[in-house]
Amino acid sequence: MRERLGDIDPATDAKKRRELQAEIDAAAFHAYGMNEKETEFILNDFYQVDDPKLMDDAYFDLVFEKYTALDEEGPYP
């Protein structure tokens, strides 16, 4: 699969993977046409997973930060 995608390097660092996942989640909010208020509502209302503690307040804040960046800057090339 990696060869078909241009021999990309996988993200193995947990912090980098979390950031990339937040970017994907933020892009999904944009793809579904959610505005800032709707995105914030969903992130504040979403059930947080306790184990493993991946989807916590800090993660939702990161998703919202990525959402705002996409809103202001547009998608990355």
N, C-alpha and C. Protein backbone atom coordinates (compact mmCIF):
# COMPACT_ATOMS: atom_id res chain seq x y z
N MET A 1 0.83 -1.18 0.00
CA MET A 1 0.00 0.00 0.00
C MET A 1 0.88 1.25 0.00
N ARG A 2 1.95 1.24 0.81
CA ARG A 2 2.83 2.41 0.89
C ARG A 2 3.43 2.73 -0.47
N GLU A 3 3.82 1.69 -1.22
CA GLU A 3 4.40 1.91 -2.55
C GLU A 3 3.38 2.54 -3.49
N ARG A 4 2.14 2.12 -3.41
CA ARG A 4 1.09 2.69 -4.28
C ARG A 4 0.81 4.14 -3.93
N LEU A 5 1.05 4.53 -2.68
CA LEU A 5 0.81 5.90 -2.25
C LEU A 5 2.04 6.79 -2.38
N GLY A 6 3.05 6.31 -3.07
CA GLY A 6 4.23 7.14 -3.28
C GLY A 6 5.30 6.93 -2.25
N ASP A 7 5.33 5.74 -1.66
CA ASP A 7 6.36 5.39 -0.69
C ASP A 7 6.42 6.38 0.48
N ILE A 8 5.26 6.70 1.04
CA ILE A 8 5.19 7.63 2.17
C ILE A 8 5.71 6.98 3.44
N ASP A 9 6.18 7.79 4.35
CA ASP A 9 6.62 7.29 5.65
C ASP A 9 5.43 7.30 6.61
N PRO A 10 5.18 6.17 7.29
CA PRO A 10 4.06 6.15 8.23
C PRO A 10 4.36 6.99 9.47
N ALA A 11 3.31 7.55 10.05
CA ALA A 11 3.45 8.30 11.30
C ALA A 11 3.40 7.29 12.44
N THR A 12 4.53 7.09 13.08
CA THR A 12 4.60 6.12 14.17
C THR A 12 4.65 6.78 15.54
N ASP A 13 4.97 8.06 15.59
CA ASP A 13 5.01 8.80 16.84
C ASP A 13 3.57 9.08 17.30
N ALA A 14 3.25 8.76 18.55
CA ALA A 14 1.89 8.91 19.06
C ALA A 14 1.39 10.35 18.96
N LYS A 15 2.24 11.31 19.26
CA LYS A 15 1.82 12.71 19.21
C LYS A 15 1.50 13.13 17.76
N LYS A 16 2.33 12.70 16.82
CA LYS A 16 2.11 13.03 15.41
C LYS A 16 0.85 12.35 14.89
N ARG A 17 0.63 11.10 15.29
CA ARG A 17 -0.58 10.38 14.86
C ARG A 17 -1.83 11.08 15.38
N ARG A 18 -1.78 11.55 16.62
CA ARG A 18 -2.92 12.26 17.21
C ARG A 18 -3.21 13.55 16.45
N GLU A 19 -2.15 14.27 16.08
CA GLU A 19 -2.31 15.52 15.34
C GLU A 19 -2.90 15.24 13.94
N LEU A 20 -2.40 14.21 13.29
CA LEU A 20 -2.92 13.85 11.97
C LEU A 20 -4.39 13.43 12.05
N GLN A 21 -4.75 12.67 13.08
CA GLN A 21 -6.13 12.25 13.24
C GLN A 21 -7.04 13.46 13.48
N ALA A 22 -6.54 14.43 14.25
CA ALA A 22 -7.32 15.65 14.49
C ALA A 22 -7.53 16.41 13.18
N GLU A 23 -6.52 16.44 12.31
CA GLU A 23 -6.66 17.10 11.01
C GLU A 23 -7.71 16.39 10.16
N ILE A 24 -7.71 15.06 10.20
CA ILE A 24 -8.70 14.29 9.44
C ILE A 24 -10.10 14.56 9.97
N ASP A 25 -10.25 14.55 11.29
CA ASP A 25 -11.56 14.83 11.89
C ASP A 25 -12.03 16.24 11.54
N ALA A 26 -11.13 17.21 11.60
CA ALA A 26 -11.49 18.59 11.26
C ALA A 26 -11.90 18.70 9.79
N ALA A 27 -11.18 18.00 8.92
CA ALA A 27 -11.52 18.01 7.49
C ALA A 27 -12.89 17.39 7.26
N ALA A 28 -13.23 16.37 8.04
CA ALA A 28 -14.55 15.73 7.91
C ALA A 28 -15.66 16.71 8.27
N PHE A 29 -15.46 17.51 9.31
CA PHE A 29 -16.46 18.53 9.66
C PHE A 29 -16.66 19.48 8.49
N HIS A 30 -15.58 19.89 7.85
CA HIS A 30 -15.68 20.78 6.69
C HIS A 30 -16.37 20.06 5.53
N ALA A 31 -16.01 18.80 5.29
CA ALA A 31 -16.59 18.05 4.17
C ALA A 31 -18.10 17.89 4.32
N TYR A 32 -18.57 17.79 5.56
CA TYR A 32 -20.00 17.67 5.80
C TYR A 32 -20.69 19.02 5.92
N GLY A 33 -19.94 20.10 5.70
CA GLY A 33 -20.53 21.43 5.69
C GLY A 33 -20.89 21.99 7.06
N MET A 34 -20.26 21.48 8.11
CA MET A 34 -20.53 21.98 9.45
C MET A 34 -19.89 23.35 9.63
N ASN A 35 -20.65 24.27 10.22
CA ASN A 35 -20.06 25.57 10.52
C ASN A 35 -19.37 25.51 11.88
N GLU A 36 -18.76 26.61 12.28
CA GLU A 36 -17.98 26.63 13.51
C GLU A 36 -18.83 26.32 14.73
N LYS A 37 -20.02 26.88 14.78
CA LYS A 37 -20.90 26.67 15.93
C LYS A 37 -21.35 25.21 16.02
N GLU A 38 -21.68 24.60 14.88
CA GLU A 38 -22.09 23.19 14.87
C GLU A 38 -20.93 22.28 15.26
N THR A 39 -19.75 22.58 14.76
CA THR A 39 -18.57 21.79 15.09
C THR A 39 -18.27 21.86 16.57
N GLU A 40 -18.31 23.06 17.13
CA GLU A 40 -18.05 23.22 18.55
C GLU A 40 -19.08 22.47 19.39
N PHE A 41 -20.36 22.54 18.98
CA PHE A 41 -21.42 21.83 19.70
C PHE A 41 -21.15 20.32 19.71
N ILE A 42 -20.82 19.76 18.55
CA ILE A 42 -20.57 18.33 18.46
C ILE A 42 -19.38 17.93 19.32
N LEU A 43 -18.31 18.71 19.24
CA LEU A 43 -17.11 18.38 20.02
C LEU A 43 -17.38 18.47 21.52
N ASN A 44 -18.19 19.43 21.93
CA ASN A 44 -18.50 19.58 23.36
C ASN A 44 -19.49 18.52 23.85
N ASP A 45 -20.28 17.96 22.94
CA ASP A 45 -21.32 17.02 23.32
C ASP A 45 -20.92 15.56 23.09
N PHE A 46 -19.82 15.34 22.40
CA PHE A 46 -19.41 13.99 22.01
C PHE A 46 -18.95 13.18 23.22
N TYR A 47 -19.32 11.92 23.24
CA TYR A 47 -18.91 11.01 24.31
C TYR A 47 -17.39 10.83 24.26
N GLN A 48 -16.75 10.99 25.39
CA GLN A 48 -15.30 10.84 25.47
C GLN A 48 -14.94 9.43 25.90
N VAL A 49 -14.02 8.84 25.17
CA VAL A 49 -13.58 7.48 25.44
C VAL A 49 -12.58 7.51 26.59
N ASP A 50 -12.81 6.66 27.59
CA ASP A 50 -11.94 6.63 28.76
C ASP A 50 -10.71 5.76 28.56
N ASP A 51 -10.85 4.64 27.88
CA ASP A 51 -9.73 3.72 27.74
C ASP A 51 -9.70 3.18 26.33
N PRO A 52 -8.78 3.47 25.48
CA PRO A 52 -7.65 4.35 25.77
C PRO A 52 -8.09 5.81 25.73
N LYS A 53 -7.43 6.64 26.48
CA LYS A 53 -7.80 8.04 26.62
C LYS A 53 -7.28 8.83 25.41
N LEU A 54 -7.89 8.61 24.26
CA LEU A 54 -7.50 9.29 23.04
C LEU A 54 -8.40 10.48 22.75
N MET A 55 -9.67 10.31 23.03
CA MET A 55 -10.64 11.36 22.71
C MET A 55 -11.01 12.11 23.99
N ASP A 56 -10.10 12.95 24.44
CA ASP A 56 -10.31 13.72 25.65
C ASP A 56 -10.46 15.20 25.29
N ASP A 57 -10.59 16.05 26.29
CA ASP A 57 -10.76 17.48 26.04
C ASP A 57 -9.63 18.05 25.20
N ALA A 58 -8.41 17.64 25.47
CA ALA A 58 -7.27 18.15 24.71
C ALA A 58 -7.37 17.76 23.24
N TYR A 59 -7.85 16.54 22.97
CA TYR A 59 -8.00 16.10 21.59
C TYR A 59 -9.08 16.91 20.89
N PHE A 60 -10.21 17.10 21.55
CA PHE A 60 -11.29 17.88 20.94
C PHE A 60 -10.86 19.32 20.71
N ASP A 61 -10.07 19.88 21.61
CA ASP A 61 -9.53 21.22 21.40
C ASP A 61 -8.62 21.25 20.17
N LEU A 62 -7.83 20.19 19.99
CA LEU A 62 -6.94 20.11 18.84
C LEU A 62 -7.75 20.01 17.54
N VAL A 63 -8.82 19.21 17.55
CA VAL A 63 -9.67 19.10 16.36
C VAL A 63 -10.27 20.47 16.03
N PHE A 64 -10.75 21.19 17.03
CA PHE A 64 -11.34 22.50 16.79
C PHE A 64 -10.29 23.48 16.28
N GLU A 65 -9.08 23.39 16.80
CA GLU A 65 -7.98 24.24 16.33
C GLU A 65 -7.69 23.96 14.84
N LYS A 66 -7.66 22.67 14.47
CA LYS A 66 -7.43 22.30 13.07
C LYS A 66 -8.60 22.74 12.20
N TYR A 67 -9.82 22.63 12.72
CA TYR A 67 -11.01 23.08 11.99
C TYR A 67 -10.89 24.57 11.68
N THR A 68 -10.53 25.36 12.69
CA THR A 68 -10.39 26.80 12.51
C THR A 68 -9.30 27.13 11.51
N ALA A 69 -8.20 26.40 11.56
CA ALA A 69 -7.11 26.64 10.61
C ALA A 69 -7.57 26.34 9.18
N LEU A 70 -8.31 25.25 9.00
CA LEU A 70 -8.83 24.94 7.67
C LEU A 70 -9.81 26.00 7.21
N ASP A 71 -10.60 26.51 8.14
CA ASP A 71 -11.59 27.54 7.82
C ASP A 71 -10.90 28.83 7.37
N GLU A 72 -9.79 29.16 8.02
CA GLU A 72 -9.08 30.41 7.72
C GLU A 72 -8.13 30.26 6.53
N GLU A 73 -7.42 29.14 6.44
CA GLU A 73 -6.36 28.97 5.45
C GLU A 73 -6.77 28.13 4.26
N GLY A 74 -7.82 27.36 4.40
CA GLY A 74 -8.20 26.43 3.35
C GLY A 74 -7.40 25.15 3.47
N PRO A 75 -7.72 24.15 2.63
CA PRO A 75 -7.01 22.88 2.72
C PRO A 75 -5.56 23.02 2.27
N TYR A 76 -4.75 22.13 2.79
CA TYR A 76 -3.33 22.11 2.41
C TYR A 76 -3.21 21.48 1.03
N PRO A 77 -2.22 21.90 0.27
CA PRO A 77 -2.05 21.35 -1.08
C PRO A 77 -1.67 19.88 -1.04
